[in-house]
Amino acid sequence: MRAYLFPGQGSQFVGMGLDDCTKSPMIKELYQQADQILGFPLSDVMFHGAEEDLKETRITQPAIFLHSFARMRALGDDFNPQAVAGHSLGEFTALAAAQTFSFEEALLLVKERAEAMQAACDEQEGTMAAVVGIDDELVEKICAEISPVVVPANYNSPGQLVISGTVEGIQKAIEQLTNAGAKKVIPLVVGGAFHSPLMESARERLSKAIATVEFRKPICAIYQNVNASATSDPELIKQNLVSQLTSPVRWTQTIQNMLHDHITSFVEVGGKGRILAGLLRRISRDAEVESI
């Protein structure tokens, strides 16, 4: 069985999509359509913008969605998934690829998500850090004992977990995790405390936008970040997508559950490639994975 995986923030790069649009009239038309839907020239920023421009959340999220969705669409009849999953933002691409909602609906939801997250970051300063070489359970225990807020945000692979919270809380966590034996605790250059309680205002705003969209049953199972389990019920998908903003991305558990469900072949679609493939190989060396 084969699953398709879609990356999230961090997979952007200057020039993304330019070569695709040059070679494919279909993809070029999709990018032009995206510019019209969004009301600003996203494709121009993707093709020619500075790296700093692409790092802005309001640009990054729709850019990554568009790039991955277009790459998926270019597969044509070869895109025949038994399951899909996306890392954080990538979950929206996965749902669009599985026809839970349309391209236009997905792009507008991603736009709203990006703007809501940016507003939440402006309201309350937060940050994140990558923790390497220490058991997840110990990270959870240390985070739970720290005030103000620090929580696990991304379970990326065994021994690689990202934490999220207030600047003060993350500073305390870095010190305590280092003392507890972590090989590395690396502060991340991000705009805020994603996948933490500090995103509550963004969650409320996104919830209102999601409530206006009709979710259809996907053409295949989707493994969502919140519960890492195969889901096909539209209402549950909706609930999980809202909860995702303040809940951790359970990527390690997602891949483990996919493997348990006899999915042995994975295709990473979009971004600069091999980010999710690299995580997957840390989770299982036996799984087949390729990047498009």
Foldseek 3Di string as FASTA:
>chain_A
DEEEEAEFPPLADAQQPVVVVVVDVVLVVLQVVLCVLVVHNLVCCRRHNDPVVCQQLLNVLLVSLSSQLSQLVVCPPVPDHQEYEYFQSGRLSRLCSLVQDDPSLSSVLSNLLSVLQLVLLVVAPKFKKKFADDAPVVLQVLQVPFPDHKHWAEPLAGRITMIMDHPVRLVVSQVVSVVVPTPDIGTDPHSHGWQAPSSVRSLVRSLVSLVVGRTDFTNHWYQYQQHLDTDRDRVVSSVRSSNSRNHHRHNLSNLVNCVVVVHQEYEYGGGNDDPSVVSSCNSPVRGHYYYD
